[in-house]
């Protein structure tokens, strides 16, 4: 078989002493 579609990933929070960011 062969298929095609979409990919959806959740976001995560990246933290360090400088600050936070949302990665996805």
PDBML (XML) file of the C-alpha atoms, coordinates in Angstrom:
<?xml version="1.0" encoding="UTF-8" ?>
<PDBx:datablock datablockName="MODEL"
   xmlns:PDBx="http://pdbml.pdb.org/schema/pdbx-v50.xsd"
   xmlns:xsi="http://www.w3.org/2001/XMLSchema-instance"
   xsi:schemaLocation="http://pdbml.pdb.org/schema/pdbx-v50.xsd pdbx-v50.xsd">
   <PDBx:atom_siteCategory>
      <PDBx:atom_site id="1">
         <PDBx:B_iso_or_equiv>0.00</PDBx:B_iso_or_equiv>
         <PDBx:Cartn_x>0.000</PDBx:Cartn_x>
         <PDBx:Cartn_y>0.000</PDBx:Cartn_y>
         <PDBx:Cartn_z>0.000</PDBx:Cartn_z>
         <PDBx:auth_asym_id>A</PDBx:auth_asym_id>
         <PDBx:auth_atom_id>CA</PDBx:auth_atom_id>
         <PDBx:auth_comp_id>UNK</PDBx:auth_comp_id>
         <PDBx:auth_seq_id>1</PDBx:auth_seq_id>
         <PDBx:group_PDB>ATOM</PDBx:group_PDB>
         <PDBx:label_alt_id xsi:nil="true" />
         <PDBx:label_asym_id>A</PDBx:label_asym_id>
         <PDBx:label_atom_id>CA</PDBx:label_atom_id>
         <PDBx:label_comp_id>UNK</PDBx:label_comp_id>
         <PDBx:label_entity_id>1</PDBx:label_entity_id>
         <PDBx:label_seq_id>1</PDBx:label_seq_id>
         <PDBx:occupancy>1.00</PDBx:occupancy>
         <PDBx:pdbx_PDB_model_num>1</PDBx:pdbx_PDB_model_num>
         <PDBx:type_symbol>C</PDBx:type_symbol>
      </PDBx:atom_site>
      <PDBx:atom_site id="2">
         <PDBx:B_iso_or_equiv>0.00</PDBx:B_iso_or_equiv>
         <PDBx:Cartn_x>0.781</PDBx:Cartn_x>
         <PDBx:Cartn_y>3.671</PDBx:Cartn_y>
         <PDBx:Cartn_z>-0.457</PDBx:Cartn_z>
         <PDBx:auth_asym_id>A</PDBx:auth_asym_id>
         <PDBx:auth_atom_id>CA</PDBx:auth_atom_id>
         <PDBx:auth_comp_id>UNK</PDBx:auth_comp_id>
         <PDBx:auth_seq_id>2</PDBx:auth_seq_id>
         <PDBx:group_PDB>ATOM</PDBx:group_PDB>
         <PDBx:label_alt_id xsi:nil="true" />
         <PDBx:label_asym_id>A</PDBx:label_asym_id>
         <PDBx:label_atom_id>CA</PDBx:label_atom_id>
         <PDBx:label_comp_id>UNK</PDBx:label_comp_id>
         <PDBx:label_entity_id>1</PDBx:label_entity_id>
         <PDBx:label_seq_id>2</PDBx:label_seq_id>
         <PDBx:occupancy>1.00</PDBx:occupancy>
         <PDBx:pdbx_PDB_model_num>1</PDBx:pdbx_PDB_model_num>
         <PDBx:type_symbol>C</PDBx:type_symbol>
      </PDBx:atom_site>
      <PDBx:atom_site id="3">
         <PDBx:B_iso_or_equiv>0.00</PDBx:B_iso_or_equiv>
         <PDBx:Cartn_x>-0.802</PDBx:Cartn_x>
         <PDBx:Cartn_y>6.592</PDBx:Cartn_y>
         <PDBx:Cartn_z>1.310</PDBx:Cartn_z>
         <PDBx:auth_asym_id>A</PDBx:auth_asym_id>
         <PDBx:auth_atom_id>CA</PDBx:auth_atom_id>
         <PDBx:auth_comp_id>UNK</PDBx:auth_comp_id>
         <PDBx:auth_seq_id>3</PDBx:auth_seq_id>
         <PDBx:group_PDB>ATOM</PDBx:group_PDB>
         <PDBx:label_alt_id xsi:nil="true" />
         <PDBx:label_asym_id>A</PDBx:label_asym_id>
         <PDBx:label_atom_id>CA</PDBx:label_atom_id>
         <PDBx:label_comp_id>UNK</PDBx:label_comp_id>
         <PDBx:label_entity_id>1</PDBx:label_entity_id>
         <PDBx:label_seq_id>3</PDBx:label_seq_id>
         <PDBx:occupancy>1.00</PDBx:occupancy>
         <PDBx:pdbx_PDB_model_num>1</PDBx:pdbx_PDB_model_num>
         <PDBx:type_symbol>C</PDBx:type_symbol>
      </PDBx:atom_site>
      <PDBx:atom_site id="4">
         <PDBx:B_iso_or_equiv>0.00</PDBx:B_iso_or_equiv>
         <PDBx:Cartn_x>-0.722</PDBx:Cartn_x>
         <PDBx:Cartn_y>10.353</PDBx:Cartn_y>
         <PDBx:Cartn_z>1.714</PDBx:Cartn_z>
         <PDBx:auth_asym_id>A</PDBx:auth_asym_id>
         <PDBx:auth_atom_id>CA</PDBx:auth_atom_id>
         <PDBx:auth_comp_id>UNK</PDBx:auth_comp_id>
         <PDBx:auth_seq_id>4</PDBx:auth_seq_id>
         <PDBx:group_PDB>ATOM</PDBx:group_PDB>
         <PDBx:label_alt_id xsi:nil="true" />
         <PDBx:label_asym_id>A</PDBx:label_asym_id>
         <PDBx:label_atom_id>CA</PDBx:label_atom_id>
         <PDBx:label_comp_id>UNK</PDBx:label_comp_id>
         <PDBx:label_entity_id>1</PDBx:label_entity_id>
         <PDBx:label_seq_id>4</PDBx:label_seq_id>
         <PDBx:occupancy>1.00</PDBx:occupancy>
         <PDBx:pdbx_PDB_model_num>1</PDBx:pdbx_PDB_model_num>
         <PDBx:type_symbol>C</PDBx:type_symbol>
      </PDBx:atom_site>
      <PDBx:atom_site id="5">
         <PDBx:B_iso_or_equiv>0.00</PDBx:B_iso_or_equiv>
         <PDBx:Cartn_x>-2.074</PDBx:Cartn_x>
         <PDBx:Cartn_y>12.668</PDBx:Cartn_y>
         <PDBx:Cartn_z>4.355</PDBx:Cartn_z>
         <PDBx:auth_asym_id>A</PDBx:auth_asym_id>
         <PDBx:auth_atom_id>CA</PDBx:auth_atom_id>
         <PDBx:auth_comp_id>UNK</PDBx:auth_comp_id>
         <PDBx:auth_seq_id>5</PDBx:auth_seq_id>
         <PDBx:group_PDB>ATOM</PDBx:group_PDB>
         <PDBx:label_alt_id xsi:nil="true" />
         <PDBx:label_asym_id>A</PDBx:label_asym_id>
         <PDBx:label_atom_id>CA</PDBx:label_atom_id>
         <PDBx:label_comp_id>UNK</PDBx:label_comp_id>
         <PDBx:label_entity_id>1</PDBx:label_entity_id>
         <PDBx:label_seq_id>5</PDBx:label_seq_id>
         <PDBx:occupancy>1.00</PDBx:occupancy>
         <PDBx:pdbx_PDB_model_num>1</PDBx:pdbx_PDB_model_num>
         <PDBx:type_symbol>C</PDBx:type_symbol>
      </PDBx:atom_site>
      <PDBx:atom_site id="6">
         <PDBx:B_iso_or_equiv>0.00</PDBx:B_iso_or_equiv>
         <PDBx:Cartn_x>-1.163</PDBx:Cartn_x>
         <PDBx:Cartn_y>15.258</PDBx:Cartn_y>
         <PDBx:Cartn_z>6.929</PDBx:Cartn_z>
         <PDBx:auth_asym_id>A</PDBx:auth_asym_id>
         <PDBx:auth_atom_id>CA</PDBx:auth_atom_id>
         <PDBx:auth_comp_id>UNK</PDBx:auth_comp_id>
         <PDBx:auth_seq_id>6</PDBx:auth_seq_id>
         <PDBx:group_PDB>ATOM</PDBx:group_PDB>
         <PDBx:label_alt_id xsi:nil="true" />
         <PDBx:label_asym_id>A</PDBx:label_asym_id>
         <PDBx:label_atom_id>CA</PDBx:label_atom_id>
         <PDBx:label_comp_id>UNK</PDBx:label_comp_id>
         <PDBx:label_entity_id>1</PDBx:label_entity_id>
         <PDBx:label_seq_id>6</PDBx:label_seq_id>
         <PDBx:occupancy>1.00</PDBx:occupancy>
         <PDBx:pdbx_PDB_model_num>1</PDBx:pdbx_PDB_model_num>
         <PDBx:type_symbol>C</PDBx:type_symbol>
      </PDBx:atom_site>
      <PDBx:atom_site id="7">
         <PDBx:B_iso_or_equiv>0.00</PDBx:B_iso_or_equiv>
         <PDBx:Cartn_x>1.022</PDBx:Cartn_x>
         <PDBx:Cartn_y>15.392</PDBx:Cartn_y>
         <PDBx:Cartn_z>9.996</PDBx:Cartn_z>
         <PDBx:auth_asym_id>A</PDBx:auth_asym_id>
         <PDBx:auth_atom_id>CA</PDBx:auth_atom_id>
         <PDBx:auth_comp_id>UNK</PDBx:auth_comp_id>
         <PDBx:auth_seq_id>7</PDBx:auth_seq_id>
         <PDBx:group_PDB>ATOM</PDBx:group_PDB>
         <PDBx:label_alt_id xsi:nil="true" />
         <PDBx:label_asym_id>A</PDBx:label_asym_id>
         <PDBx:label_atom_id>CA</PDBx:label_atom_id>
         <PDBx:label_comp_id>UNK</PDBx:label_comp_id>
         <PDBx:label_entity_id>1</PDBx:label_entity_id>
         <PDBx:label_seq_id>7</PDBx:label_seq_id>
         <PDBx:occupancy>1.00</PDBx:occupancy>
         <PDBx:pdbx_PDB_model_num>1</PDBx:pdbx_PDB_model_num>
         <PDBx:type_symbol>C</PDBx:type_symbol>
      </PDBx:atom_site>
      <PDBx:atom_site id="8">
         <PDBx:B_iso_or_equiv>0.00</PDBx:B_iso_or_equiv>
         <PDBx:Cartn_x>0.140</PDBx:Cartn_x>
         <PDBx:Cartn_y>17.364</PDBx:Cartn_y>
         <PDBx:Cartn_z>13.112</PDBx:Cartn_z>
         <PDBx:auth_asym_id>A</PDBx:auth_asym_id>
         <PDBx:auth_atom_id>CA</PDBx:auth_atom_id>
         <PDBx:auth_comp_id>UNK</PDBx:auth_comp_id>
         <PDBx:auth_seq_id>8</PDBx:auth_seq_id>
         <PDBx:group_PDB>ATOM</PDBx:group_PDB>
         <PDBx:label_alt_id xsi:nil="true" />
         <PDBx:label_asym_id>A</PDBx:label_asym_id>
         <PDBx:label_atom_id>CA</PDBx:label_atom_id>
         <PDBx:label_comp_id>UNK</PDBx:label_comp_id>
         <PDBx:label_entity_id>1</PDBx:label_entity_id>
         <PDBx:label_seq_id>8</PDBx:label_seq_id>
         <PDBx:occupancy>1.00</PDBx:occupancy>
         <PDBx:pdbx_PDB_model_num>1</PDBx:pdbx_PDB_model_num>
         <PDBx:type_symbol>C</PDBx:type_symbol>
      </PDBx:atom_site>
      <PDBx:atom_site id="9">
         <PDBx:B_iso_or_equiv>0.00</PDBx:B_iso_or_equiv>
         <PDBx:Cartn_x>2.441</PDBx:Cartn_x>
         <PDBx:Cartn_y>17.716</PDBx:Cartn_y>
         <PDBx:Cartn_z>16.123</PDBx:Cartn_z>
         <PDBx:auth_asym_id>A</PDBx:auth_asym_id>
         <PDBx:auth_atom_id>CA</PDBx:auth_atom_id>
         <PDBx:auth_comp_id>UNK</PDBx:auth_comp_id>
         <PDBx:auth_seq_id>9</PDBx:auth_seq_id>
         <PDBx:group_PDB>ATOM</PDBx:group_PDB>
         <PDBx:label_alt_id xsi:nil="true" />
         <PDBx:label_asym_id>A</PDBx:label_asym_id>
         <PDBx:label_atom_id>CA</PDBx:label_atom_id>
         <PDBx:label_comp_id>UNK</PDBx:label_comp_id>
         <PDBx:label_entity_id>1</PDBx:label_entity_id>
         <PDBx:label_seq_id>9</PDBx:label_seq_id>
         <PDBx:occupancy>1.00</PDBx:occupancy>
         <PDBx:pdbx_PDB_model_num>1</PDBx:pdbx_PDB_model_num>
         <PDBx:type_symbol>C</PDBx:type_symbol>
      </PDBx:atom_site>
      <PDBx:atom_site id="10">
         <PDBx:B_iso_or_equiv>0.00</PDBx:B_iso_or_equiv>
         <PDBx:Cartn_x>1.818</PDBx:Cartn_x>
         <PDBx:Cartn_y>19.193</PDBx:Cartn_y>
         <PDBx:Cartn_z>19.559</PDBx:Cartn_z>
         <PDBx:auth_asym_id>A</PDBx:auth_asym_id>
         <PDBx:auth_atom_id>CA</PDBx:auth_atom_id>
         <PDBx:auth_comp_id>UNK</PDBx:auth_comp_id>
         <PDBx:auth_seq_id>10</PDBx:auth_seq_id>
         <PDBx:group_PDB>ATOM</PDBx:group_PDB>
         <PDBx:label_alt_id xsi:nil="true" />
         <PDBx:label_asym_id>A</PDBx:label_asym_id>
         <PDBx:label_atom_id>CA</PDBx:label_atom_id>
         <PDBx:label_comp_id>UNK</PDBx:label_comp_id>
         <PDBx:label_entity_id>1</PDBx:label_entity_id>
         <PDBx:label_seq_id>10</PDBx:label_seq_id>
         <PDBx:occupancy>1.00</PDBx:occupancy>
         <PDBx:pdbx_PDB_model_num>1</PDBx:pdbx_PDB_model_num>
         <PDBx:type_symbol>C</PDBx:type_symbol>
      </PDBx:atom_site>
      <PDBx:atom_site id="11">
         <PDBx:B_iso_or_equiv>0.00</PDBx:B_iso_or_equiv>
         <PDBx:Cartn_x>3.781</PDBx:Cartn_x>
         <PDBx:Cartn_y>22.189</PDBx:Cartn_y>
         <PDBx:Cartn_z>20.857</PDBx:Cartn_z>
         <PDBx:auth_asym_id>A</PDBx:auth_asym_id>
         <PDBx:auth_atom_id>CA</PDBx:auth_atom_id>
         <PDBx:auth_comp_id>UNK</PDBx:auth_comp_id>
         <PDBx:auth_seq_id>11</PDBx:auth_seq_id>
         <PDBx:group_PDB>ATOM</PDBx:group_PDB>
         <PDBx:label_alt_id xsi:nil="true" />
         <PDBx:label_asym_id>A</PDBx:label_asym_id>
         <PDBx:label_atom_id>CA</PDBx:label_atom_id>
         <PDBx:label_comp_id>UNK</PDBx:label_comp_id>
         <PDBx:label_entity_id>1</PDBx:label_entity_id>
         <PDBx:label_seq_id>11</PDBx:label_seq_id>
         <PDBx:occupancy>1.00</PDBx:occupancy>
         <PDBx:pdbx_PDB_model_num>1</PDBx:pdbx_PDB_model_num>
         <PDBx:type_symbol>C</PDBx:type_symbol>
      </PDBx:atom_site>
      <PDBx:atom_site id="12">
         <PDBx:B_iso_or_equiv>0.00</PDBx:B_iso_or_equiv>
         <PDBx:Cartn_x>6.141</PDBx:Cartn_x>
         <PDBx:Cartn_y>22.112</PDBx:Cartn_y>
         <PDBx:Cartn_z>23.828</PDBx:Cartn_z>
         <PDBx:auth_asym_id>A</PDBx:auth_asym_id>
         <PDBx:auth_atom_id>CA</PDBx:auth_atom_id>
         <PDBx:auth_comp_id>UNK</PDBx:auth_comp_id>
         <PDBx:auth_seq_id>12</PDBx:auth_seq_id>
         <PDBx:group_PDB>ATOM</PDBx:group_PDB>
         <PDBx:label_alt_id xsi:nil="true" />
         <PDBx:label_asym_id>A</PDBx:label_asym_id>
         <PDBx:label_atom_id>CA</PDBx:label_atom_id>
         <PDBx:label_comp_id>UNK</PDBx:label_comp_id>
         <PDBx:label_entity_id>1</PDBx:label_entity_id>
         <PDBx:label_seq_id>12</PDBx:label_seq_id>
         <PDBx:occupancy>1.00</PDBx:occupancy>
         <PDBx:pdbx_PDB_model_num>1</PDBx:pdbx_PDB_model_num>
         <PDBx:type_symbol>C</PDBx:type_symbol>
      </PDBx:atom_site>
      <PDBx:atom_site id="13">
         <PDBx:B_iso_or_equiv>0.00</PDBx:B_iso_or_equiv>
         <PDBx:Cartn_x>7.592</PDBx:Cartn_x>
         <PDBx:Cartn_y>24.818</PDBx:Cartn_y>
         <PDBx:Cartn_z>26.053</PDBx:Cartn_z>
         <PDBx:auth_asym_id>A</PDBx:auth_asym_id>
         <PDBx:auth_atom_id>CA</PDBx:auth_atom_id>
         <PDBx:auth_comp_id>UNK</PDBx:auth_comp_id>
         <PDBx:auth_seq_id>13</PDBx:auth_seq_id>
         <PDBx:group_PDB>ATOM</PDBx:group_PDB>
         <PDBx:label_alt_id xsi:nil="true" />
         <PDBx:label_asym_id>A</PDBx:label_asym_id>
         <PDBx:label_atom_id>CA</PDBx:label_atom_id>
         <PDBx:label_comp_id>UNK</PDBx:label_comp_id>
         <PDBx:label_entity_id>1</PDBx:label_entity_id>
         <PDBx:label_seq_id>13</PDBx:label_seq_id>
         <PDBx:occupancy>1.00</PDBx:occupancy>
         <PDBx:pdbx_PDB_model_num>1</PDBx:pdbx_PDB_model_num>
         <PDBx:type_symbol>C</PDBx:type_symbol>
      </PDBx:atom_site>
      <PDBx:atom_site id="14">
         <PDBx:B_iso_or_equiv>0.00</PDBx:B_iso_or_equiv>
         <PDBx:Cartn_x>11.373</PDBx:Cartn_x>
         <PDBx:Cartn_y>25.313</PDBx:Cartn_y>
         <PDBx:Cartn_z>25.944</PDBx:Cartn_z>
         <PDBx:auth_asym_id>A</PDBx:auth_asym_id>
         <PDBx:auth_atom_id>CA</PDBx:auth_atom_id>
         <PDBx:auth_comp_id>UNK</PDBx:auth_comp_id>
         <PDBx:auth_seq_id>14</PDBx:auth_seq_id>
         <PDBx:group_PDB>ATOM</PDBx:group_PDB>
         <PDBx:label_alt_id xsi:nil="true" />
         <PDBx:label_asym_id>A</PDBx:label_asym_id>
         <PDBx:label_atom_id>CA</PDBx:label_atom_id>
         <PDBx:label_comp_id>UNK</PDBx:label_comp_id>
         <PDBx:label_entity_id>1</PDBx:label_entity_id>
         <PDBx:label_seq_id>14</PDBx:label_seq_id>
         <PDBx:occupancy>1.00</PDBx:occupancy>
         <PDBx:pdbx_PDB_model_num>1</PDBx:pdbx_PDB_model_num>
         <PDBx:type_symbol>C</PDBx:type_symbol>
      </PDBx:atom_site>
      <PDBx:atom_site id="15">
         <PDBx:B_iso_or_equiv>0.00</PDBx:B_iso_or_equiv>
         <PDBx:Cartn_x>12.754</PDBx:Cartn_x>
         <PDBx:Cartn_y>26.914</PDBx:Cartn_y>
         <PDBx:Cartn_z>29.123</PDBx:Cartn_z>
         <PDBx:auth_asym_id>A</PDBx:auth_asym_id>
         <PDBx:auth_atom_id>CA</PDBx:auth_atom_id>
         <PDBx:auth_comp_id>UNK</PDBx:auth_comp_id>
         <PDBx:auth_seq_id>15</PDBx:auth_seq_id>
         <PDBx:group_PDB>ATOM</PDBx:group_PDB>
         <PDBx:label_alt_id xsi:nil="true" />
         <PDBx:label_asym_id>A</PDBx:label_asym_id>
         <PDBx:label_atom_id>CA</PDBx:label_atom_id>
         <PDBx:label_comp_id>UNK</PDBx:label_comp_id>
         <PDBx:label_entity_id>1</PDBx:label_entity_id>
         <PDBx:label_seq_id>15</PDBx:label_seq_id>
         <PDBx:occupancy>1.00</PDBx:occupancy>
         <PDBx:pdbx_PDB_model_num>1</PDBx:pdbx_PDB_model_num>
         <PDBx:type_symbol>C</PDBx:type_symbol>
      </PDBx:atom_site>
      <PDBx:atom_site id="16">
         <PDBx:B_iso_or_equiv>0.00</PDBx:B_iso_or_equiv>
         <PDBx:Cartn_x>16.122</PDBx:Cartn_x>
         <PDBx:Cartn_y>28.163</PDBx:Cartn_y>
         <PDBx:Cartn_z>30.274</PDBx:Cartn_z>
         <PDBx:auth_asym_id>A</PDBx:auth_asym_id>
         <PDBx:auth_atom_id>CA</PDBx:auth_atom_id>
         <PDBx:auth_comp_id>UNK</PDBx:auth_comp_id>
         <PDBx:auth_seq_id>16</PDBx:auth_seq_id>
         <PDBx:group_PDB>ATOM</PDBx:group_PDB>
         <PDBx:label_alt_id xsi:nil="true" />
         <PDBx:label_asym_id>A</PDBx:label_asym_id>
         <PDBx:label_atom_id>CA</PDBx:label_atom_id>
         <PDBx:label_comp_id>UNK</PDBx:label_comp_id>
         <PDBx:label_entity_id>1</PDBx:label_entity_id>
         <PDBx:label_seq_id>16</PDBx:label_seq_id>
         <PDBx:occupancy>1.00</PDBx:occupancy>
         <PDBx:pdbx_PDB_model_num>1</PDBx:pdbx_PDB_model_num>
         <PDBx:type_symbol>C</PDBx:type_symbol>
      </PDBx:atom_site>
      <PDBx:atom_site id="17">
         <PDBx:B_iso_or_equiv>0.00</PDBx:B_iso_or_equiv>
         <PDBx:Cartn_x>17.276</PDBx:Cartn_x>
         <PDBx:Cartn_y>30.958</PDBx:Cartn_y>
         <PDBx:Cartn_z>32.660</PDBx:Cartn_z>
         <PDBx:auth_asym_id>A</PDBx:auth_asym_id>
         <PDBx:auth_atom_id>CA</PDBx:auth_atom_id>
         <PDBx:auth_comp_id>UNK</PDBx:auth_comp_id>
         <PDBx:auth_seq_id>17</PDBx:auth_seq_id>
         <PDBx:group_PDB>ATOM</PDBx:group_PDB>
         <PDBx:label_alt_id xsi:nil="true" />
         <PDBx:label_asym_id>A</PDBx:label_asym_id>
         <PDBx:label_atom_id>CA</PDBx:label_atom_id>
         <PDBx:label_comp_id>UNK</PDBx:label_comp_id>
         <PDBx:label_entity_id>1</PDBx:label_entity_id>
         <PDBx:label_seq_id>17</PDBx:label_seq_id>
         <PDBx:occupancy>1.00</PDBx:occupancy>
         <PDBx:pdbx_PDB_model_num>1</PDBx:pdbx_PDB_model_num>
         <PDBx:type_symbol>C</PDBx:type_symbol>
      </PDBx:atom_site>
      <PDBx:atom_site id="18">
         <PDBx:B_iso_or_equiv>0.00</PDBx:B_iso_or_equiv>
         <PDBx:Cartn_x>16.916</PDBx:Cartn_x>
         <PDBx:Cartn_y>33.552</PDBx:Cartn_y>
         <PDBx:Cartn_z>29.859</PDBx:Cartn_z>
         <PDBx:auth_asym_id>A</PDBx:auth_asym_id>
         <PDBx:auth_atom_id>CA</PDBx:auth_atom_id>
         <PDBx:auth_comp_id>UNK</PDBx:auth_comp_id>
         <PDBx:auth_seq_id>18</PDBx:auth_seq_id>
         <PDBx:group_PDB>ATOM</PDBx:group_PDB>
         <PDBx:label_alt_id xsi:nil="true" />
         <PDBx:label_asym_id>A</PDBx:label_asym_id>
         <PDBx:label_atom_id>CA</PDBx:label_atom_id>
         <PDBx:label_comp_id>UNK</PDBx:label_comp_id>
         <PDBx:label_entity_id>1</PDBx:label_entity_id>
         <PDBx:label_seq_id>18</PDBx:label_seq_id>
         <PDBx:occupancy>1.00</PDBx:occupancy>
         <PDBx:pdbx_PDB_model_num>1</PDBx:pdbx_PDB_model_num>
         <PDBx:type_symbol>C</PDBx:type_symbol>
      </PDBx:atom_site>
      <PDBx:atom_site id="19">
         <PDBx:B_iso_or_equiv>0.00</PDBx:B_iso_or_equiv>
         <PDBx:Cartn_x>13.245</PDBx:Cartn_x>
         <PDBx:Cartn_y>32.817</PDBx:Cartn_y>
         <PDBx:Cartn_z>29.166</PDBx:Cartn_z>
         <PDBx:auth_asym_id>A</PDBx:auth_asym_id>
         <PDBx:auth_atom_id>CA</PDBx:auth_atom_id>
         <PDBx:auth_comp_id>UNK</PDBx:auth_comp_id>
         <PDBx:auth_seq_id>19</PDBx:auth_seq_id>
         <PDBx:group_PDB>ATOM</PDBx:group_PDB>
         <PDBx:label_alt_id xsi:nil="true" />
         <PDBx:label_asym_id>A</PDBx:label_asym_id>
         <PDBx:label_atom_id>CA</PDBx:label_atom_id>
         <PDBx:label_comp_id>UNK</PDBx:label_comp_id>
         <PDBx:label_entity_id>1</PDBx:label_entity_id>
         <PDBx:label_seq_id>19</PDBx:label_seq_id>
         <PDBx:occupancy>1.00</PDBx:occupancy>
         <PDBx:pdbx_PDB_model_num>1</PDBx:pdbx_PDB_model_num>
         <PDBx:type_symbol>C</PDBx:type_symbol>
      </PDBx:atom_site>
      <PDBx:atom_site id="20">
         <PDBx:B_iso_or_equiv>0.00</PDBx:B_iso_or_equiv>
         <PDBx:Cartn_x>10.603</PDBx:Cartn_x>
         <PDBx:Cartn_y>30.542</PDBx:Cartn_y>
         <PDBx:Cartn_z>27.679</PDBx:Cartn_z>
         <PDBx:auth_asym_id>A</PDBx:auth_asym_id>
         <PDBx:auth_atom_id>CA</PDBx:auth_atom_id>
         <PDBx:auth_comp_id>UNK</PDBx:auth_comp_id>
         <PDBx:auth_seq_id>20</PDBx:auth_seq_id>
         <PDBx:group_PDB>ATOM</PDBx:group_PDB>
         <PDBx:label_alt_id xsi:nil="true" />
         <PDBx:label_asym_id>A</PDBx:label_asym_id>
         <PDBx:label_atom_id>CA</PDBx:label_atom_id>
         <PDBx:label_comp_id>UNK</PDBx:label_comp_id>
         <PDBx:label_entity_id>1</PDBx:label_entity_id>
         <PDBx:label_seq_id>20</PDBx:label_seq_id>
         <PDBx:occupancy>1.00</PDBx:occupancy>
         <PDBx:pdbx_PDB_model_num>1</PDBx:pdbx_PDB_model_num>
         <PDBx:type_symbol>C</PDBx:type_symbol>
      </PDBx:atom_site>
      <PDBx:atom_site id="21">
         <PDBx:B_iso_or_equiv>0.00</PDBx:B_iso_or_equiv>
         <PDBx:Cartn_x>9.502</PDBx:Cartn_x>
         <PDBx:Cartn_y>29.831</PDBx:Cartn_y>
         <PDBx:Cartn_z>24.124</PDBx:Cartn_z>
         <PDBx:auth_asym_id>A</PDBx:auth_asym_id>
         <PDBx:auth_atom_id>CA</PDBx:auth_atom_id>
         <PDBx:auth_comp_id>UNK</PDBx:auth_comp_id>
         <PDBx:auth_seq_id>21</PDBx:auth_seq_id>
         <PDBx:group_PDB>ATOM</PDBx:group_PDB>
         <PDBx:label_alt_id xsi:nil="true" />
         <PDBx:label_asym_id>A</PDBx:label_asym_id>
         <PDBx:label_atom_id>CA</PDBx:label_atom_id>
         <PDBx:label_comp_id>UNK</PDBx:label_comp_id>
         <PDBx:label_entity_id>1</PDBx:label_entity_id>
         <PDBx:label_seq_id>21</PDBx:label_seq_id>
         <PDBx:occupancy>1.00</PDBx:occupancy>
         <PDBx:pdbx_PDB_model_num>1</PDBx:pdbx_PDB_model_num>
         <PDBx:type_symbol>C</PDBx:type_symbol>
      </PDBx:atom_site>
      <PDBx:atom_site id="22">
         <PDBx:B_iso_or_equiv>0.00</PDBx:B_iso_or_equiv>
         <PDBx:Cartn_x>6.934</PDBx:Cartn_x>
         <PDBx:Cartn_y>27.592</PDBx:Cartn_y>
         <PDBx:Cartn_z>22.487</PDBx:Cartn_z>
         <PDBx:auth_asym_id>A</PDBx:auth_asym_id>
         <PDBx:auth_atom_id>CA</PDBx:auth_atom_id>
         <PDBx:auth_comp_id>UNK</PDBx:auth_comp_id>
         <PDBx:auth_seq_id>22</PDBx:auth_seq_id>
         <PDBx:group_PDB>ATOM</PDBx:group_PDB>
         <PDBx:label_alt_id xsi:nil="true" />
         <PDBx:label_asym_id>A</PDBx:label_asym_id>
         <PDBx:label_atom_id>CA</PDBx:label_atom_id>
         <PDBx:label_comp_id>UNK</PDBx:label_comp_id>
         <PDBx:label_entity_id>1</PDBx:label_entity_id>
         <PDBx:label_seq_id>22</PDBx:label_seq_id>
         <PDBx:occupancy>1.00</PDBx:occupancy>
         <PDBx:pdbx_PDB_model_num>1</PDBx:pdbx_PDB_model_num>
         <PDBx:type_symbol>C</PDBx:type_symbol>
      </PDBx:atom_site>
      <PDBx:atom_site id="23">
         <PDBx:B_iso_or_equiv>0.00</PDBx:B_iso_or_equiv>
         <PDBx:Cartn_x>8.460</PDBx:Cartn_x>
         <PDBx:Cartn_y>25.057</PDBx:Cartn_y>
         <PDBx:Cartn_z>20.085</PDBx:Cartn_z>
         <PDBx:auth_asym_id>A</PDBx:auth_asym_id>
         <PDBx:auth_atom_id>CA</PDBx:auth_atom_id>
         <PDBx:auth_comp_id>UNK</PDBx:auth_comp_id>
         <PDBx:auth_seq_id>23</PDBx:auth_seq_id>
         <PDBx:group_PDB>ATOM</PDBx:group_PDB>
         <PDBx:label_alt_id xsi:nil="true" />
         <PDBx:label_asym_id>A</PDBx:label_asym_id>
         <PDBx:label_atom_id>CA</PDBx:label_atom_id>
         <PDBx:label_comp_id>UNK</PDBx:label_comp_id>
         <PDBx:label_entity_id>1</PDBx:label_entity_id>
         <PDBx:label_seq_id>23</PDBx:label_seq_id>
         <PDBx:occupancy>1.00</PDBx:occupancy>
         <PDBx:pdbx_PDB_model_num>1</PDBx:pdbx_PDB_model_num>
         <PDBx:type_symbol>C</PDBx:type_symbol>
      </PDBx:atom_site>
      <PDBx:atom_site id="24">
         <PDBx:B_iso_or_equiv>0.00</PDBx:B_iso_or_equiv>
         <PDBx:Cartn_x>6.525</PDBx:Cartn_x>
         <PDBx:Cartn_y>22.982</PDBx:Cartn_y>
         <PDBx:Cartn_z>17.568</PDBx:Cartn_z>
         <PDBx:auth_asym_id>A</PDBx:auth_asym_id>
         <PDBx:auth_atom_id>CA</PDBx:auth_atom_id>
         <PDBx:auth_comp_id>UNK</PDBx:auth_comp_id>
         <PDBx:auth_seq_id>24</PDBx:auth_seq_id>
         <PDBx:group_PDB>ATOM</PDBx:group_PDB>
         <PDBx:label_alt_id xsi:nil="true" />
         <PDBx:label_asym_id>A</PDBx:label_asym_id>
         <PDBx:label_atom_id>CA</PDBx:label_atom_id>
         <PDBx:label_comp_id>UNK</PDBx:label_comp_id>
         <PDBx:label_entity_id>1</PDBx:label_entity_id>
         <PDBx:label_seq_id>24</PDBx:label_seq_id>
         <PDBx:occupancy>1.00</PDBx:occupancy>
         <PDBx:pdbx_PDB_model_num>1</PDBx:pdbx_PDB_model_num>
         <PDBx:type_symbol>C</PDBx:type_symbol>
      </PDBx:atom_site>
   </PDBx:atom_siteCategory>
</PDBx:datablock>
